[in-house]
Amino acid sequence: MKKISLKLAALLIFISLIYYSCGGSKQTARLLEDEKIAFEQTKGDTIALANTKVEYEVLVIEPGFNYWLQSIAKPEGYYSQSYLENRNRIYVMNWNQRVLLPGQYDPNLYEQTINYDASIDYGYDVNYKLYNYFIYFQRKYNQRLGPWVPRI
């Protein structure tokens, strides 16, 4: 009796895994289609990353980024500020290294350095938008700025 119960339980788990994995692939396909729409945008978006308390502002002029940020990126509050700061530190460091090596990395992608000081509290909004720009950039241009696969 125990063998039958264990086999039945294993079968139910297997069927439920198949069911949930199929639903996930539909969501992933829809997400990739939406992302493709963002990547194909030609109209320039301008997003300001600003915090008036520390007098810091960065303008991101990238077609499709605003659409991507509004429709695909995880919502504000999904990540903690410390998570965003840690990731941004690594992404900025790798970005700046690539700016300094135009013979090795495309200078059209890495045009200028980003002055990101880890000791300054830029606030959640700046870190959130900067982090999401790095994810957008890596996915659109098939780049890797850190040891992680850039996921949504």
Protein backbone atom coordinates (compact mmCIF):
# COMPACT_ATOMS: atom_id res chain seq x y z
CA MET A 1 0.00 0.00 0.00
CA LYS A 2 2.85 2.40 0.79
CA LYS A 3 4.45 1.76 -2.61
CA ILE A 4 1.24 2.66 -4.40
CA SER A 5 0.79 5.83 -2.33
CA LEU A 6 4.38 6.90 -2.98
CA LYS A 7 4.06 6.21 -6.71
CA LEU A 8 0.76 8.10 -6.86
CA ALA A 9 2.26 11.04 -4.96
CA ALA A 10 5.28 11.09 -7.26
CA LEU A 11 3.00 11.00 -10.30
CA LEU A 12 0.91 13.90 -8.97
CA ILE A 13 4.04 15.95 -8.29
CA PHE A 14 5.33 15.21 -11.78
CA ILE A 15 2.03 16.22 -13.40
CA SER A 16 1.86 19.43 -11.38
CA LEU A 17 5.43 20.32 -12.36
CA ILE A 18 4.58 19.87 -16.03
CA TYR A 19 1.43 21.96 -15.63
CA TYR A 20 3.23 24.85 -13.93
CA SER A 21 6.19 24.77 -16.27
CA CYS A 22 3.90 25.12 -19.28
CA GLY A 23 2.22 28.18 -17.79
CA GLY A 24 5.58 29.77 -17.07
CA SER A 25 6.74 29.37 -20.65
CA LYS A 26 3.64 31.24 -21.89
CA GLN A 27 4.40 34.11 -19.52
CA THR A 28 8.04 34.10 -20.57
CA ALA A 29 7.10 34.18 -24.26
CA ARG A 30 4.74 37.11 -23.65
CA LEU A 31 7.43 38.91 -21.66
CA LEU A 32 9.99 38.38 -24.43
CA GLU A 33 7.54 39.75 -27.00
CA ASP A 34 6.97 42.87 -24.90
CA GLU A 35 10.69 43.23 -24.42
CA LYS A 36 11.25 42.95 -28.17
CA ILE A 37 8.80 45.83 -28.65
CA ALA A 38 10.85 47.93 -26.22
CA PHE A 39 14.12 47.05 -27.95
CA GLU A 40 12.74 48.00 -31.37
CA GLN A 41 11.67 51.49 -30.27
CA THR A 42 13.31 54.24 -32.29
CA LYS A 43 11.79 57.28 -30.59
CA GLY A 44 14.20 58.57 -27.96
CA ASP A 45 13.17 58.29 -24.34
CA THR A 46 14.73 60.49 -21.73
CA ILE A 47 14.65 59.34 -18.13
CA ALA A 48 16.10 61.50 -15.38
CA LEU A 49 17.75 59.74 -12.48
CA ALA A 50 17.86 62.50 -9.92
CA ASN A 51 18.05 63.10 -6.22
CA THR A 52 17.93 66.78 -5.30
CA LYS A 53 19.24 66.12 -1.77
CA VAL A 54 22.65 65.06 -3.11
CA GLU A 55 22.46 67.20 -6.26
CA TYR A 56 22.86 64.20 -8.50
CA GLU A 57 21.30 63.72 -11.90
CA VAL A 58 21.84 61.35 -14.80
CA LEU A 59 19.87 61.49 -18.01
CA VAL A 60 19.27 58.20 -19.77
CA ILE A 61 18.50 58.80 -23.44
CA GLU A 62 17.69 55.37 -24.78
CA PRO A 63 14.84 54.51 -27.13
CA GLY A 64 12.50 52.02 -25.49
CA PHE A 65 13.89 52.26 -21.97
CA ASN A 66 10.93 54.16 -20.54
CA TYR A 67 8.52 51.63 -22.11
CA TRP A 68 10.62 48.76 -20.75
CA LEU A 69 10.81 50.34 -17.29
CA GLN A 70 7.04 50.86 -17.13
CA SER A 71 5.92 47.55 -18.61
CA ILE A 72 8.59 44.91 -18.01
CA ALA A 73 10.86 45.81 -15.08
CA LYS A 74 9.99 44.64 -11.59
CA PRO A 75 7.96 47.32 -9.78
CA GLU A 76 9.49 49.81 -7.38
CA GLY A 77 9.82 48.25 -3.96
CA TYR A 78 10.53 44.78 -5.33
CA TYR A 79 14.24 45.07 -4.51
CA SER A 80 15.74 46.53 -1.36
CA GLN A 81 17.89 49.62 -1.67
CA SER A 82 20.95 47.74 -0.41
CA TYR A 83 20.45 45.07 -3.11
CA LEU A 84 20.25 47.77 -5.79
CA GLU A 85 23.31 49.59 -4.42
CA ASN A 86 25.39 46.41 -4.35
CA ARG A 87 24.47 45.49 -7.91
CA ASN A 88 24.95 49.04 -9.17
CA ARG A 89 28.44 49.19 -7.62
CA ILE A 90 29.49 46.14 -9.62
CA TYR A 91 27.75 47.23 -12.82
CA VAL A 92 29.26 50.74 -12.66
CA MET A 93 32.75 49.36 -12.01
CA ASN A 94 32.53 47.05 -15.04
CA TRP A 95 30.94 49.76 -17.18
CA ASN A 96 33.73 52.22 -16.39
CA GLN A 97 36.41 49.63 -17.14
CA ARG A 98 34.84 49.14 -20.57
CA VAL A 99 34.75 52.87 -21.24
CA LEU A 100 38.51 52.95 -20.63
CA LEU A 101 39.12 50.10 -23.11
CA PRO A 102 37.60 51.37 -26.40
CA GLY A 103 39.74 48.98 -28.44
CA GLN A 104 38.28 46.00 -26.61
CA TYR A 105 34.68 47.17 -26.09
CA ASP A 106 32.39 49.04 -28.47
CA PRO A 107 32.88 52.77 -27.78
CA ASN A 108 29.40 53.40 -29.20
CA LEU A 109 27.94 51.39 -26.31
CA TYR A 110 30.29 52.59 -23.58
CA GLU A 111 30.62 56.29 -24.27
CA GLN A 112 31.40 57.84 -20.89
CA THR A 113 32.13 56.84 -17.34
CA ILE A 114 29.54 56.88 -14.58
CA ASN A 115 30.53 58.66 -11.40
CA TYR A 116 28.87 56.47 -8.76
CA ASP A 117 30.24 56.87 -5.25
CA ALA A 118 29.24 53.99 -2.97
CA SER A 119 29.53 56.23 0.10
CA ILE A 120 26.74 58.53 -1.14
CA ASP A 121 23.10 57.69 -0.53
CA TYR A 122 21.50 58.43 -3.89
CA GLY A 123 18.13 57.23 -2.67
CA TYR A 124 15.91 54.42 -3.83
CA ASP A 125 14.63 56.02 -7.05
CA VAL A 126 18.07 56.70 -8.53
CA ASN A 127 19.34 53.23 -7.63
CA TYR A 128 16.17 51.56 -8.94
CA LYS A 129 16.30 53.30 -12.31
CA LEU A 130 20.07 52.89 -12.69
CA TYR A 131 19.84 49.18 -11.88
CA ASN A 132 17.02 48.70 -14.36
CA TYR A 133 18.91 50.59 -17.02
CA PHE A 134 21.81 48.19 -16.59
CA ILE A 135 19.44 45.22 -16.92
CA TYR A 136 17.82 46.78 -20.01
CA PHE A 137 21.20 47.58 -21.55
CA GLN A 138 22.60 44.09 -20.96
CA ARG A 139 19.54 42.37 -22.40
CA LYS A 140 19.19 44.68 -25.40
CA TYR A 141 22.86 44.66 -26.43
CA ASN A 142 23.68 41.13 -25.24
CA GLN A 143 26.30 42.32 -22.75
CA ARG A 144 27.26 41.04 -19.31
CA LEU A 145 28.34 43.63 -16.75
CA GLY A 146 28.47 41.27 -13.79
CA PRO A 147 28.72 37.61 -12.93
CA TRP A 148 24.91 37.20 -13.12
CA VAL A 149 22.68 36.62 -16.10
CA PRO A 150 20.61 39.82 -16.41
CA ARG A 151 17.08 38.68 -15.58
CA ILE A 152 13.81 40.46 -15.18
